[in-house]
Amino acid sequence: MADIEKTIKNAVELNKTLMGSDETLRALMADELSLVVVASNCPQEIAEKIAHYAQISGTESHKFSLASKELGSICRKPFSVTVLGIKK
C-alpha cells in the first residue's frame, strides 16, 4: 500500500491527476491514463464501470484499501476522492 500512496503523492505533485468518476471515465475512453485508483467505499456500480473501461483501454486499475476521505487526504484535498486517475 505504501507504494501506491507514493505513486499518488508523486502524481499530485506533478499535477498529473484527475479526480471524480466522470472525468476519469472520459480520460479512460480517450486512453489518457496509466492508472486508476478506486476508493474502498466507491459505489459498486461506478467501480464496475471504471473497471470495465480500464480493462478495455488496458489501463491498470487498483482498488484502494482506504476510504474516499483518506484518498482525498493523500491527494491533499479537503474533500473525499472516490475515483482518481493518473495521467500518462
Protein backbone atom coordinates (compact mmCIF):
# COMPACT_ATOMS: atom_id res chain seq x y z
CA MET A 1 0.00 0.00 0.00
CA ALA A 2 2.87 2.38 0.69
CA ASP A 3 3.96 2.06 -2.94
CA ILE A 4 0.57 3.13 -4.33
CA GLU A 5 0.46 6.03 -1.87
CA LYS A 6 3.88 7.16 -3.07
CA THR A 7 2.71 6.93 -6.70
CA ILE A 8 -0.38 9.01 -5.90
CA LYS A 9 1.60 11.66 -3.99
CA ASN A 10 4.11 11.91 -6.82
CA ALA A 11 1.32 12.31 -9.41
CA VAL A 12 -0.34 15.02 -7.28
CA GLU A 13 2.96 16.93 -7.07
CA LEU A 14 3.38 16.71 -10.86
CA ASN A 15 -0.25 17.75 -11.41
CA LYS A 16 -0.99 14.52 -13.30
CA THR A 17 -4.22 13.56 -11.54
CA LEU A 18 -7.89 13.60 -12.42
CA MET A 19 -10.46 13.32 -9.66
CA GLY A 20 -14.01 12.09 -9.97
CA SER A 21 -15.67 9.28 -11.85
CA ASP A 22 -16.97 11.31 -14.81
CA GLU A 23 -13.62 12.95 -15.56
CA THR A 24 -11.77 9.67 -15.07
CA LEU A 25 -14.18 7.80 -17.38
CA ARG A 26 -13.71 10.39 -20.13
CA ALA A 27 -9.93 10.09 -19.82
CA LEU A 28 -10.15 6.27 -19.85
CA MET A 29 -12.15 6.35 -23.06
CA ALA A 30 -9.53 8.66 -24.59
CA ASP A 31 -6.71 6.35 -23.38
CA GLU A 32 -5.04 9.15 -21.41
CA LEU A 33 -4.46 7.34 -18.10
CA SER A 34 -1.79 5.00 -16.82
CA LEU A 35 -3.51 4.11 -13.53
CA VAL A 36 -6.96 4.35 -11.96
CA VAL A 37 -7.41 4.20 -8.18
CA VAL A 38 -10.85 3.46 -6.72
CA ALA A 39 -11.58 4.05 -3.01
CA SER A 40 -12.83 1.12 -0.97
CA ASN A 41 -16.22 2.76 -0.39
CA CYS A 42 -16.86 3.65 -4.03
CA PRO A 43 -20.40 2.67 -5.09
CA GLN A 44 -20.32 -0.73 -6.79
CA GLU A 45 -21.97 0.49 -10.00
CA ILE A 46 -19.28 3.15 -10.50
CA ALA A 47 -16.44 0.78 -9.55
CA GLU A 48 -17.67 -1.80 -12.08
CA LYS A 49 -17.96 0.81 -14.83
CA ILE A 50 -14.44 2.10 -14.11
CA ALA A 51 -13.04 -1.46 -14.07
CA HIS A 52 -14.79 -2.25 -17.37
CA TYR A 53 -13.38 0.76 -19.21
CA ALA A 54 -9.96 0.30 -17.62
CA GLN A 55 -9.87 -3.27 -18.93
CA ILE A 56 -10.92 -2.16 -22.42
CA SER A 57 -8.24 0.55 -22.54
CA GLY A 58 -5.57 -1.66 -20.97
CA THR A 59 -5.18 0.72 -18.02
CA GLU A 60 -4.16 -0.63 -14.63
CA SER A 61 -6.95 -0.36 -12.06
CA HIS A 62 -6.31 -0.50 -8.32
CA LYS A 63 -8.95 -0.95 -5.60
CA PHE A 64 -7.55 1.19 -2.77
CA SER A 65 -7.78 -0.29 0.73
CA LEU A 66 -8.77 3.04 2.28
CA ALA A 67 -11.99 5.01 2.02
CA SER A 68 -12.57 8.14 -0.06
CA LYS A 69 -11.79 10.55 2.82
CA GLU A 70 -8.34 9.02 3.24
CA LEU A 71 -7.74 9.05 -0.52
CA GLY A 72 -8.67 12.73 -0.56
CA SER A 73 -6.23 13.35 2.30
CA ILE A 74 -3.41 11.61 0.44
CA CYS A 75 -4.21 13.85 -2.56
CA ARG A 76 -4.00 16.89 -0.23
CA LYS A 77 -7.64 17.76 -0.85
CA PRO A 78 -10.14 18.90 1.82
CA PHE A 79 -12.80 16.61 0.32
CA SER A 80 -13.40 12.94 -0.42
CA VAL A 81 -11.98 11.43 -3.61
CA THR A 82 -13.77 8.26 -4.70
CA VAL A 83 -12.04 7.78 -8.08
CA LEU A 84 -8.60 9.04 -9.05
CA GLY A 85 -6.99 8.84 -12.48
CA ILE A 86 -3.26 9.27 -13.05
CA LYS A 87 -2.32 10.62 -16.47
CA LYS A 88 0.31 9.01 -18.68
